[in-house]
C-alpha atoms as a PDB file:
ATOM      1  CA  UNK A   1      -7.775  -7.829  -6.301  1.00  0.00           C
ATOM      2  CA  UNK A   2      -4.889  -9.981  -7.624  1.00  0.00           C
ATOM      3  CA  UNK A   3      -2.367  -7.422  -6.379  1.00  0.00           C
ATOM      4  CA  UNK A   4      -3.771  -7.540  -2.849  1.00  0.00           C
ATOM      5  CA  UNK A   5      -4.144 -11.329  -2.855  1.00  0.00           C
ATOM      6  CA  UNK A   6      -0.570 -11.896  -3.954  1.00  0.00           C
ATOM      7  CA  UNK A   7       0.758  -9.766  -1.112  1.00  0.00           C
ATOM      8  CA  UNK A   8      -1.377 -11.613   1.418  1.00  0.00           C
ATOM      9  CA  UNK A   9      -0.242 -14.980   0.021  1.00  0.00           C
ATOM     10  CA  UNK A  10       3.375 -13.941   0.449  1.00  0.00           C
ATOM     11  CA  UNK A  11       2.821 -12.695   4.015  1.00  0.00           C
ATOM     12  CA  UNK A  12       1.148 -15.971   4.967  1.00  0.00           C
ATOM     13  CA  UNK A  13       4.212 -17.951   3.871  1.00  0.00           C
ATOM     14  CA  UNK A  14       7.188 -15.726   4.548  1.00  0.00           C
ATOM     15  CA  UNK A  15       8.475 -13.222   7.156  1.00  0.00           C
ATOM     16  CA  UNK A  16      11.198 -10.605   7.396  1.00  0.00           C
ATOM     17  CA  UNK A  17      13.984 -10.643   4.831  1.00  0.00           C
ATOM     18  CA  UNK A  18      12.660 -13.805   3.168  1.00  0.00           C
ATOM     19  CA  UNK A  19       9.412 -11.968   2.491  1.00  0.00           C
ATOM     20  CA  UNK A  20      11.315  -8.986   1.105  1.00  0.00           C
ATOM     21  CA  UNK A  21      13.172 -11.341  -1.240  1.00  0.00           C
ATOM     22  CA  UNK A  22       9.949 -12.727  -2.720  1.00  0.00           C
ATOM     23  CA  UNK A  23       8.304  -9.304  -2.689  1.00  0.00           C
ATOM     24  CA  UNK A  24      11.122  -7.953  -4.826  1.00  0.00           C
ATOM     25  CA  UNK A  25      10.151 -10.263  -7.662  1.00  0.00           C
ATOM     26  CA  UNK A  26       6.466  -9.452  -7.263  1.00  0.00           C
ATOM     27  CA  UNK A  27       6.980  -5.680  -7.181  1.00  0.00           C
ATOM     28  CA  UNK A  28       9.339  -5.955 -10.156  1.00  0.00           C
ATOM     29  CA  UNK A  29       6.433  -7.322 -12.176  1.00  0.00           C
ATOM     30  CA  UNK A  30       3.989  -4.730 -10.819  1.00  0.00           C
ATOM     31  CA  UNK A  31       6.278  -1.840 -11.742  1.00  0.00           C
ATOM     32  CA  UNK A  32       7.950  -3.034 -14.948  1.00  0.00           C
ATOM     33  CA  UNK A  33       4.789  -4.208 -16.727  1.00  0.00           C
ATOM     34  CA  UNK A  34       3.164  -0.725 -16.844  1.00  0.00           C
ATOM     35  CA  UNK A  35       6.474   0.716 -17.960  1.00  0.00           C
ATOM     36  CA  UNK A  36       7.006  -1.638 -20.863  1.00  0.00           C
ATOM     37  CA  UNK A  37       3.319  -1.744 -21.781  1.00  0.00           C
ATOM     38  CA  UNK A  38       3.587   1.135 -24.304  1.00  0.00           C
ATOM     39  CA  UNK A  39       6.323  -0.711 -26.192  1.00  0.00           C
ATOM     40  CA  UNK A  40       4.382  -3.979 -26.071  1.00  0.00           C
ATOM     41  CA  UNK A  41       1.207  -2.266 -27.218  1.00  0.00           C
ATOM     42  CA  UNK A  42       3.037  -0.653 -30.121  1.00  0.00           C
ATOM     43  CA  UNK A  43       4.489  -4.038 -31.091  1.00  0.00           C
ATOM     44  CA  UNK A  44       1.032  -5.636 -31.104  1.00  0.00           C
ATOM     45  CA  UNK A  45      -0.363  -2.834 -33.232  1.00  0.00           C
ATOM     46  CA  UNK A  46       2.384  -3.401 -35.790  1.00  0.00           C
ATOM     47  CA  UNK A  47       1.071  -6.919 -36.485  1.00  0.00           C
ATOM     48  CA  UNK A  48      -2.637  -6.715 -35.536  1.00  0.00           C
ATOM     49  CA  UNK A  49      -5.432  -4.269 -34.874  1.00  0.00           C
ATOM     50  CA  UNK A  50      -6.394  -2.700 -31.573  1.00  0.00           C
ATOM     51  CA  UNK A  51      -8.798  -5.534 -30.825  1.00  0.00           C
ATOM     52  CA  UNK A  52      -5.812  -7.881 -30.459  1.00  0.00           C
ATOM     53  CA  UNK A  53      -4.853  -6.050 -27.264  1.00  0.00           C
ATOM     54  CA  UNK A  54      -8.143  -7.029 -25.613  1.00  0.00           C
ATOM     55  CA  UNK A  55      -7.821 -10.619 -26.795  1.00  0.00           C
ATOM     56  CA  UNK A  56      -4.407 -10.648 -25.142  1.00  0.00           C
ATOM     57  CA  UNK A  57      -5.997  -9.410 -21.880  1.00  0.00           C
ATOM     58  CA  UNK A  58      -8.479 -12.286 -22.035  1.00  0.00           C
ATOM     59  CA  UNK A  59      -5.794 -14.877 -22.808  1.00  0.00           C
ATOM     60  CA  UNK A  60      -3.573 -13.693 -19.984  1.00  0.00           C
ATOM     61  CA  UNK A  61      -6.438 -13.621 -17.480  1.00  0.00           C
ATOM     62  CA  UNK A  62      -7.505 -17.163 -18.332  1.00  0.00           C
ATOM     63  CA  UNK A  63      -3.925 -18.447 -18.242  1.00  0.00           C
ATOM     64  CA  UNK A  64      -3.156 -16.902 -14.856  1.00  0.00           C
ATOM     65  CA  UNK A  65      -6.454 -18.073 -13.336  1.00  0.00           C
ATOM     66  CA  UNK A  66      -5.824 -21.677 -14.402  1.00  0.00           C
ATOM     67  CA  UNK A  67      -2.195 -21.558 -13.272  1.00  0.00           C
ATOM     68  CA  UNK A  68      -3.070 -20.093  -9.866  1.00  0.00           C
ATOM     69  CA  UNK A  69      -5.900 -22.526  -9.238  1.00  0.00           C
ATOM     70  CA  UNK A  70      -3.732 -25.488 -10.209  1.00  0.00           C
ATOM     71  CA  UNK A  71      -0.450 -24.591  -8.494  1.00  0.00           C
ATOM     72  CA  UNK A  72      -1.280 -22.398  -5.478  1.00  0.00           C
ATOM     73  CA  UNK A  73      -2.806 -24.077  -2.396  1.00  0.00           C
ATOM     74  CA  UNK A  74      -4.591 -22.122   0.355  1.00  0.00           C
ATOM     75  CA  UNK A  75      -1.943 -20.446   2.573  1.00  0.00           C
ATOM     76  CA  UNK A  76      -4.004 -19.454   5.637  1.00  0.00           C
ATOM     77  CA  UNK A  77      -4.931 -22.344   7.981  1.00  0.00           C
ATOM     78  CA  UNK A  78      -8.558 -22.612   9.002  1.00  0.00           C
ATOM     79  CA  UNK A  79      -7.783 -21.855  12.673  1.00  0.00           C
ATOM     80  CA  UNK A  80      -6.161 -18.525  11.734  1.00  0.00           C
ATOM     81  CA  UNK A  81      -8.991 -17.254   9.558  1.00  0.00           C
ATOM     82  CA  UNK A  82     -11.131 -14.347  10.710  1.00  0.00           C
ATOM     83  CA  UNK A  83     -14.892 -14.705  10.051  1.00  0.00           C
ATOM     84  CA  UNK A  84     -16.260 -12.205   7.575  1.00  0.00           C
ATOM     85  CA  UNK A  85     -18.376  -9.582   9.352  1.00  0.00           C
ATOM     86  CA  UNK A  86     -18.705  -5.821   9.377  1.00  0.00           C
ATOM     87  CA  UNK A  87     -17.614  -5.485  13.052  1.00  0.00           C
ATOM     88  CA  UNK A  88     -14.556  -7.651  12.366  1.00  0.00           C
ATOM     89  CA  UNK A  89     -13.595  -5.539   9.342  1.00  0.00           C
ATOM     90  CA  UNK A  90     -14.001  -2.286  11.337  1.00  0.00           C
ATOM     91  CA  UNK A  91     -12.010  -3.676  14.255  1.00  0.00           C
ATOM     92  CA  UNK A  92      -9.212  -4.966  12.020  1.00  0.00           C
ATOM     93  CA  UNK A  93      -9.106  -1.737  10.043  1.00  0.00           C
ATOM     94  CA  UNK A  94      -8.620   0.154  13.289  1.00  0.00           C
ATOM     95  CA  UNK A  95      -5.763  -2.113  14.294  1.00  0.00           C
ATOM     96  CA  UNK A  96      -3.955  -1.514  11.007  1.00  0.00           C
ATOM     97  CA  UNK A  97      -4.498   2.250  10.920  1.00  0.00           C
ATOM     98  CA  UNK A  98      -3.301   2.636  14.530  1.00  0.00           C
ATOM     99  CA  UNK A  99      -0.101   0.658  13.961  1.00  0.00           C
ATOM    100  CA  UNK A 100       2.623   3.324  13.749  1.00  0.00           C
ATOM    101  CA  UNK A 101       5.150   1.178  11.910  1.00  0.00           C
ATOM    102  CA  UNK A 102       2.683  -0.070   9.319  1.00  0.00           C
ATOM    103  CA  UNK A 103       1.427   3.443   8.597  1.00  0.00           C
ATOM    104  CA  UNK A 104       4.957   4.887   8.460  1.00  0.00           C
ATOM    105  CA  UNK A 105       5.973   2.377   5.823  1.00  0.00           C
ATOM    106  CA  UNK A 106       2.648   2.839   4.035  1.00  0.00           C
ATOM    107  CA  UNK A 107       3.210   6.589   3.745  1.00  0.00           C
ATOM    108  CA  UNK A 108       6.743   5.868   2.608  1.00  0.00           C
ATOM    109  CA  UNK A 109       5.442   3.577  -0.122  1.00  0.00           C
ATOM    110  CA  UNK A 110       3.000   6.290  -1.197  1.00  0.00           C
ATOM    111  CA  UNK A 111       5.731   8.911  -1.466  1.00  0.00           C
ATOM    112  CA  UNK A 112       8.046   6.653  -3.434  1.00  0.00           C
ATOM    113  CA  UNK A 113       5.365   5.353  -5.754  1.00  0.00           C
ATOM    114  CA  UNK A 114       3.875   8.836  -6.149  1.00  0.00           C
ATOM    115  CA  UNK A 115       7.028  10.436  -7.493  1.00  0.00           C
ATOM    116  CA  UNK A 116       7.505   7.478  -9.824  1.00  0.00           C
ATOM    117  CA  UNK A 117       3.953   7.957 -11.133  1.00  0.00           C
ATOM    118  CA  UNK A 118       4.914  11.581 -11.773  1.00  0.00           C
ATOM    119  CA  UNK A 119       7.746  10.355 -13.980  1.00  0.00           C
ATOM    120  CA  UNK A 120       5.387   8.014 -15.819  1.00  0.00           C
ATOM    121  CA  UNK A 121       2.967  10.868 -16.529  1.00  0.00           C
ATOM    122  CA  UNK A 122       5.611  13.363 -17.673  1.00  0.00           C
ATOM    123  CA  UNK A 123       8.270  11.141 -19.256  1.00  0.00           C
ATOM    124  CA  UNK A 124       6.937  11.236 -22.782  1.00  0.00           C
ATOM    125  CA  UNK A 125       6.660  15.008 -22.669  1.00  0.00           C
ATOM    126  CA  UNK A 126      10.214  15.275 -21.326  1.00  0.00           C
ATOM    127  CA  UNK A 127      11.714  13.068 -23.996  1.00  0.00           C
ATOM    128  CA  UNK A 128       9.869  15.012 -26.677  1.00  0.00           C
ATOM    129  CA  UNK A 129      10.579  18.493 -25.234  1.00  0.00           C
ATOM    130  CA  UNK A 130      14.205  17.759 -24.315  1.00  0.00           C
ATOM    131  CA  UNK A 131      15.412  15.552 -27.151  1.00  0.00           C
ATOM    132  CA  UNK A 132      12.646  15.456 -29.757  1.00  0.00           C
ATOM    133  CA  UNK A 133      12.599  11.689 -29.252  1.00  0.00           C
ATOM    134  CA  UNK A 134       8.903  10.947 -29.643  1.00  0.00           C
ATOM    135  CA  UNK A 135       9.334   7.913 -31.890  1.00  0.00           C
ATOM    136  CA  UNK A 136      12.143   6.455 -29.808  1.00  0.00           C
ATOM    137  CA  UNK A 137      10.319   7.020 -26.499  1.00  0.00           C
ATOM    138  CA  UNK A 138       9.110   3.399 -26.013  1.00  0.00           C
ATOM    139  CA  UNK A 139      12.710   2.160 -26.474  1.00  0.00           C
ATOM    140  CA  UNK A 140      14.197   4.622 -24.000  1.00  0.00           C
ATOM    141  CA  UNK A 141      11.325   3.932 -21.617  1.00  0.00           C
ATOM    142  CA  UNK A 142      12.052   0.209 -21.703  1.00  0.00           C
ATOM    143  CA  UNK A 143      15.800   0.700 -21.223  1.00  0.00           C
ATOM    144  CA  UNK A 144      15.199   2.677 -18.053  1.00  0.00           C
ATOM    145  CA  UNK A 145      12.756   0.032 -16.821  1.00  0.00           C
ATOM    146  CA  UNK A 146      15.600  -2.460 -16.967  1.00  0.00           C
ATOM    147  CA  UNK A 147      17.091  -0.627 -13.986  1.00  0.00           C
ATOM    148  CA  UNK A 148      14.164  -1.676 -11.833  1.00  0.00           C
ATOM    149  CA  UNK A 149      14.402  -5.266 -13.038  1.00  0.00           C
ATOM    150  CA  UNK A 150      18.143  -5.482 -12.338  1.00  0.00           C
ATOM    151  CA  UNK A 151      17.715  -3.925  -8.898  1.00  0.00           C
ATOM    152  CA  UNK A 152      14.934  -6.345  -7.986  1.00  0.00           C
ATOM    153  CA  UNK A 153      17.077  -9.333  -8.915  1.00  0.00           C
ATOM    154  CA  UNK A 154      20.060  -7.965  -6.988  1.00  0.00           C
ATOM    155  CA  UNK A 155      17.855  -7.078  -4.025  1.00  0.00           C
ATOM    156  CA  UNK A 156      16.583 -10.628  -3.801  1.00  0.00           C
ATOM    157  CA  UNK A 157      20.176 -11.774  -3.300  1.00  0.00           C
ATOM    158  CA  UNK A 158      21.392  -9.019  -0.987  1.00  0.00           C
ATOM    159  CA  UNK A 159      18.367  -8.747   1.320  1.00  0.00           C
ATOM    160  CA  UNK A 160      19.145 -12.093   3.000  1.00  0.00           C
ATOM    161  CA  UNK A 161      22.647 -10.874   3.898  1.00  0.00           C
ATOM    162  CA  UNK A 162      22.254  -7.141   4.427  1.00  0.00           C
ATOM    163  CA  UNK A 163      18.638  -6.832   5.509  1.00  0.00           C
ATOM    164  CA  UNK A 164      15.735  -4.858   4.026  1.00  0.00           C
ATOM    165  CA  UNK A 165      16.056  -1.841   6.373  1.00  0.00           C
ATOM    166  CA  UNK A 166      19.689  -1.188   5.502  1.00  0.00           C
ATOM    167  CA  UNK A 167      19.047  -1.686   1.779  1.00  0.00           C
ATOM    168  CA  UNK A 168      16.092   0.715   1.939  1.00  0.00           C
ATOM    169  CA  UNK A 169      18.105   3.399   3.736  1.00  0.00           C
ATOM    170  CA  UNK A 170      20.968   3.071   1.254  1.00  0.00           C
ATOM    171  CA  UNK A 171      18.569   3.268  -1.701  1.00  0.00           C
ATOM    172  CA  UNK A 172      16.906   6.422  -0.303  1.00  0.00           C
ATOM    173  CA  UNK A 173      20.290   8.054   0.314  1.00  0.00           C
ATOM    174  CA  UNK A 174      21.250   7.180  -3.250  1.00  0.00           C
ATOM    175  CA  UNK A 175      18.011   8.662  -4.525  1.00  0.00           C
ATOM    176  CA  UNK A 176      18.649  11.887  -2.634  1.00  0.00           C
ATOM    177  CA  UNK A 177      22.183  12.095  -4.079  1.00  0.00           C
ATOM    178  CA  UNK A 178      20.977  11.457  -7.634  1.00  0.00           C
ATOM    179  CA  UNK A 179      18.197  14.044  -7.272  1.00  0.00           C
ATOM    180  CA  UNK A 180      20.724  16.635  -6.133  1.00  0.00           C
ATOM    181  CA  UNK A 181      22.989  15.677  -9.064  1.00  0.00           C
ATOM    182  CA  UNK A 182      20.077  16.091 -11.469  1.00  0.00           C
ATOM    183  CA  UNK A 183      19.303  19.515 -10.004  1.00  0.00           C
ATOM    184  CA  UNK A 184      22.930  20.592 -10.320  1.00  0.00           C
ATOM    185  CA  UNK A 185      23.185  19.461 -13.930  1.00  0.00           C
ATOM    186  CA  UNK A 186      19.853  21.189 -14.627  1.00  0.00           C
ATOM    187  CA  UNK A 187      21.151  24.445 -13.194  1.00  0.00           C
ATOM    188  CA  UNK A 188      24.166  24.236 -15.515  1.00  0.00           C
ATOM    189  CA  UNK A 189      22.128  23.373 -18.600  1.00  0.00           C
ATOM    190  CA  UNK A 190      19.056  25.617 -18.202  1.00  0.00           C
ATOM    191  CA  UNK A 191      16.914  22.731 -17.003  1.00  0.00           C
ATOM    192  CA  UNK A 192      17.577  20.351 -19.905  1.00  0.00           C
ATOM    193  CA  UNK A 193      20.357  17.857 -19.101  1.00  0.00           C
ATOM    194  CA  UNK A 194      22.310  16.335 -21.993  1.00  0.00           C
ATOM    195  CA  UNK A 195      20.934  12.980 -23.100  1.00  0.00           C
ATOM    196  CA  UNK A 196      24.260  11.336 -22.188  1.00  0.00           C
ATOM    197  CA  UNK A 197      23.700  12.399 -18.564  1.00  0.00           C
ATOM    198  CA  UNK A 198      19.900  12.131 -18.402  1.00  0.00           C
ATOM    199  CA  UNK A 199      19.754   8.418 -19.255  1.00  0.00           C
ATOM    200  CA  UNK A 200      22.451   7.176 -16.835  1.00  0.00           C
ATOM    201  CA  UNK A 201      21.122   9.273 -13.956  1.00  0.00           C
ATOM    202  CA  UNK A 202      17.558   8.103 -14.450  1.00  0.00           C
ATOM    203  CA  UNK A 203      18.721   4.511 -14.913  1.00  0.00           C
ATOM    204  CA  UNK A 204      20.335   4.755 -11.461  1.00  0.00           C
ATOM    205  CA  UNK A 205      17.192   6.447 -10.059  1.00  0.00           C
ATOM    206  CA  UNK A 206      15.171   3.525 -11.375  1.00  0.00           C
ATOM    207  CA  UNK A 207      17.709   1.142  -9.859  1.00  0.00           C
ATOM    208  CA  UNK A 208      17.131   2.749  -6.430  1.00  0.00           C
ATOM    209  CA  UNK A 209      13.399   2.484  -7.012  1.00  0.00           C
ATOM    210  CA  UNK A 210      13.758  -1.216  -7.724  1.00  0.00           C
ATOM    211  CA  UNK A 211      15.419  -1.691  -4.364  1.00  0.00           C
ATOM    212  CA  UNK A 212      12.730   0.311  -2.599  1.00  0.00           C
ATOM    213  CA  UNK A 213       9.494  -1.103  -3.960  1.00  0.00           C
ATOM    214  CA  UNK A 214       9.823  -4.655  -2.653  1.00  0.00           C
ATOM    215  CA  UNK A 215      11.476  -3.809   0.648  1.00  0.00           C
ATOM    216  CA  UNK A 216       9.088  -1.023   1.691  1.00  0.00           C
ATOM    217  CA  UNK A 217       6.027  -3.186   1.011  1.00  0.00           C
ATOM    218  CA  UNK A 218       7.595  -6.099   2.881  1.00  0.00           C
ATOM    219  CA  UNK A 219       8.396  -3.885   5.877  1.00  0.00           C
ATOM    220  CA  UNK A 220       4.808  -2.671   5.964  1.00  0.00           C
ATOM    221  CA  UNK A 221       3.361  -6.180   5.613  1.00  0.00           C
ATOM    222  CA  UNK A 222       5.579  -7.949   8.151  1.00  0.00           C
ATOM    223  CA  UNK A 223       3.588  -6.632  11.134  1.00  0.00           C
ATOM    224  CA  UNK A 224       0.179  -7.795   9.918  1.00  0.00           C
ATOM    225  CA  UNK A 225       0.141 -11.516  10.677  1.00  0.00           C
ATOM    226  CA  UNK A 226      -3.209 -13.197  10.109  1.00  0.00           C
ATOM    227  CA  UNK A 227      -4.847  -9.905   8.999  1.00  0.00           C
ATOM    228  CA  UNK A 228      -2.577  -9.750   5.955  1.00  0.00           C
ATOM    229  CA  UNK A 229      -5.453  -9.682   3.459  1.00  0.00           C
ATOM    230  CA  UNK A 230      -7.261  -6.652   4.835  1.00  0.00           C
ATOM    231  CA  UNK A 231      -3.939  -5.086   5.808  1.00  0.00           C
ATOM    232  CA  UNK A 232      -2.658  -5.377   2.269  1.00  0.00           C
ATOM    233  CA  UNK A 233      -5.857  -3.759   1.005  1.00  0.00           C
ATOM    234  CA  UNK A 234      -5.483  -0.819   3.373  1.00  0.00           C
ATOM    235  CA  UNK A 235      -1.774  -0.416   2.607  1.00  0.00           C
ATOM    236  CA  UNK A 236      -2.487  -0.401  -1.131  1.00  0.00           C
ATOM    237  CA  UNK A 237      -5.402   2.017  -0.766  1.00  0.00           C
ATOM    238  CA  UNK A 238      -3.672   4.523   1.516  1.00  0.00           C
ATOM    239  CA  UNK A 239      -0.387   4.422  -0.384  1.00  0.00           C
ATOM    240  CA  UNK A 240      -2.219   4.817  -3.691  1.00  0.00           C
ATOM    241  CA  UNK A 241      -4.104   7.863  -2.402  1.00  0.00           C
ATOM    242  CA  UNK A 242      -0.850   9.418  -1.264  1.00  0.00           C
ATOM    243  CA  UNK A 243       0.774   8.533  -4.611  1.00  0.00           C
ATOM    244  CA  UNK A 244      -2.026  10.254  -6.516  1.00  0.00           C
ATOM    245  CA  UNK A 245      -1.709  13.360  -4.352  1.00  0.00           C
ATOM    246  CA  UNK A 246       2.067  13.443  -4.859  1.00  0.00           C
ATOM    247  CA  UNK A 247       1.786  12.825  -8.613  1.00  0.00           C
ATOM    248  CA  UNK A 248      -0.789  15.590  -9.099  1.00  0.00           C
ATOM    249  CA  UNK A 249       1.110  18.010  -6.876  1.00  0.00           C
ATOM    250  CA  UNK A 250       4.442  17.504  -8.622  1.00  0.00           C
ATOM    251  CA  UNK A 251       3.122  16.950 -12.145  1.00  0.00           C
ATOM    252  CA  UNK A 252       1.251  20.262 -12.324  1.00  0.00           C
ATOM    253  CA  UNK A 253       4.565  22.111 -11.977  1.00  0.00           C
ATOM    254  CA  UNK A 254       6.061  20.546 -15.096  1.00  0.00           C
ATOM    255  CA  UNK A 255       7.414  23.441 -17.190  1.00  0.00           C
ATOM    256  CA  UNK A 256       9.555  21.849 -19.853  1.00  0.00           C
ATOM    257  CA  UNK A 257      12.548  21.432 -17.539  1.00  0.00           C
ATOM    258  CA  UNK A 258      13.836  18.688 -15.275  1.00  0.00           C
ATOM    259  CA  UNK A 259      13.515  20.802 -12.119  1.00  0.00           C
ATOM    260  CA  UNK A 260       9.978  19.839 -10.950  1.00  0.00           C
ATOM    261  CA  UNK A 261      10.664  16.112 -11.187  1.00  0.00           C
ATOM    262  CA  UNK A 262      14.125  16.386  -9.620  1.00  0.00           C
ATOM    263  CA  UNK A 263      12.728  18.403  -6.717  1.00  0.00           C
ATOM    264  CA  UNK A 264       9.900  15.885  -6.375  1.00  0.00           C
ATOM    265  CA  UNK A 265      12.343  12.985  -6.121  1.00  0.00           C
ATOM    266  CA  UNK A 266      14.463  14.899  -3.608  1.00  0.00           C
ATOM    267  CA  UNK A 267      11.606  15.911  -1.309  1.00  0.00           C
ATOM    268  CA  UNK A 268       9.873  12.530  -1.390  1.00  0.00           C
ATOM    269  CA  UNK A 269      13.116  10.626  -0.831  1.00  0.00           C
ATOM    270  CA  UNK A 270      14.081  12.848   2.096  1.00  0.00           C
ATOM    271  CA  UNK A 271      10.670  12.470   3.746  1.00  0.00           C
ATOM    272  CA  UNK A 272      10.708   8.722   3.100  1.00  0.00           C
ATOM    273  CA  UNK A 273      14.174   8.428   4.696  1.00  0.00           C
ATOM    274  CA  UNK A 274      12.985  10.226   7.833  1.00  0.00           C
ATOM    275  CA  UNK A 275       9.933   7.958   8.080  1.00  0.00           C
ATOM    276  CA  UNK A 276      11.932   4.761   7.605  1.00  0.00           C
ATOM    277  CA  UNK A 277      14.507   5.740  10.244  1.00  0.00           C
ATOM    278  CA  UNK A 278      11.865   6.837  12.748  1.00  0.00           C
ATOM    279  CA  UNK A 279       9.796   3.704  12.169  1.00  0.00           C
ATOM    280  CA  UNK A 280      12.822   1.475  12.734  1.00  0.00           C
ATOM    281  CA  UNK A 281      13.546   3.236  16.039  1.00  0.00           C
ATOM    282  CA  UNK A 282       9.971   3.274  17.318  1.00  0.00           C
ATOM    283  CA  UNK A 283       8.548   0.618  19.597  1.00  0.00           C
ATOM    284  CA  UNK A 284       6.251  -2.079  18.318  1.00  0.00           C
ATOM    285  CA  UNK A 285       2.938  -0.550  17.230  1.00  0.00           C
END
């Protein structure tokens, strides 16, 4: 709900690169929060019991609800609103699903997010299997998450000058290169890269991801106009389904080496690059 609404609010107020700039900050929050959550949860448990976590949920929900209601006015004018009805929903859904550019960027978002979810599901096992770093895992996890935060801040500055398409292509090319580098190092080290190589490479991978998340979602949303609300719901639903499929497909091959994840990044980045280039060249719709 809040995730969909925030995207629609942004689309109502911004377009093109300006929307990508704002979306970078939003996606930075969406991605970084789940990544630093283990460290935050561990910190809370050091000073309070498990019930404190749920009290924090309640406090945050109340705070955000009050803040949003107080500071955020309605963004969609009355004359642009679509009456709620089943036929209107079906008709609008068809328009979104038939839009080639929207669906291309939606699939791209699913591929990119899917391989990142694979990392999230296997990262603790990798750190433990590779480096016996179970206790230090939250710290290393948070350090890598900084790459996404730094990229999102940089992207918000560069997107107005370079453009979201060019930034996205460059980030995908960088992701392909880093995946190949990870595979090469893995081949030379029996699938377990040295920690001194693993951390910098994955920091740069996360940096590329930080560039991608905001821009891809902005490119998908920019074609939706006054149907941004339902469009955002469909984009999130379809991309999430693809992400789950990618995560399950790649994650089940984890074998105590870096190869499955590196191959997953490589394949998903290559497919995403093809989709982004073809969508940019295709005609409207």
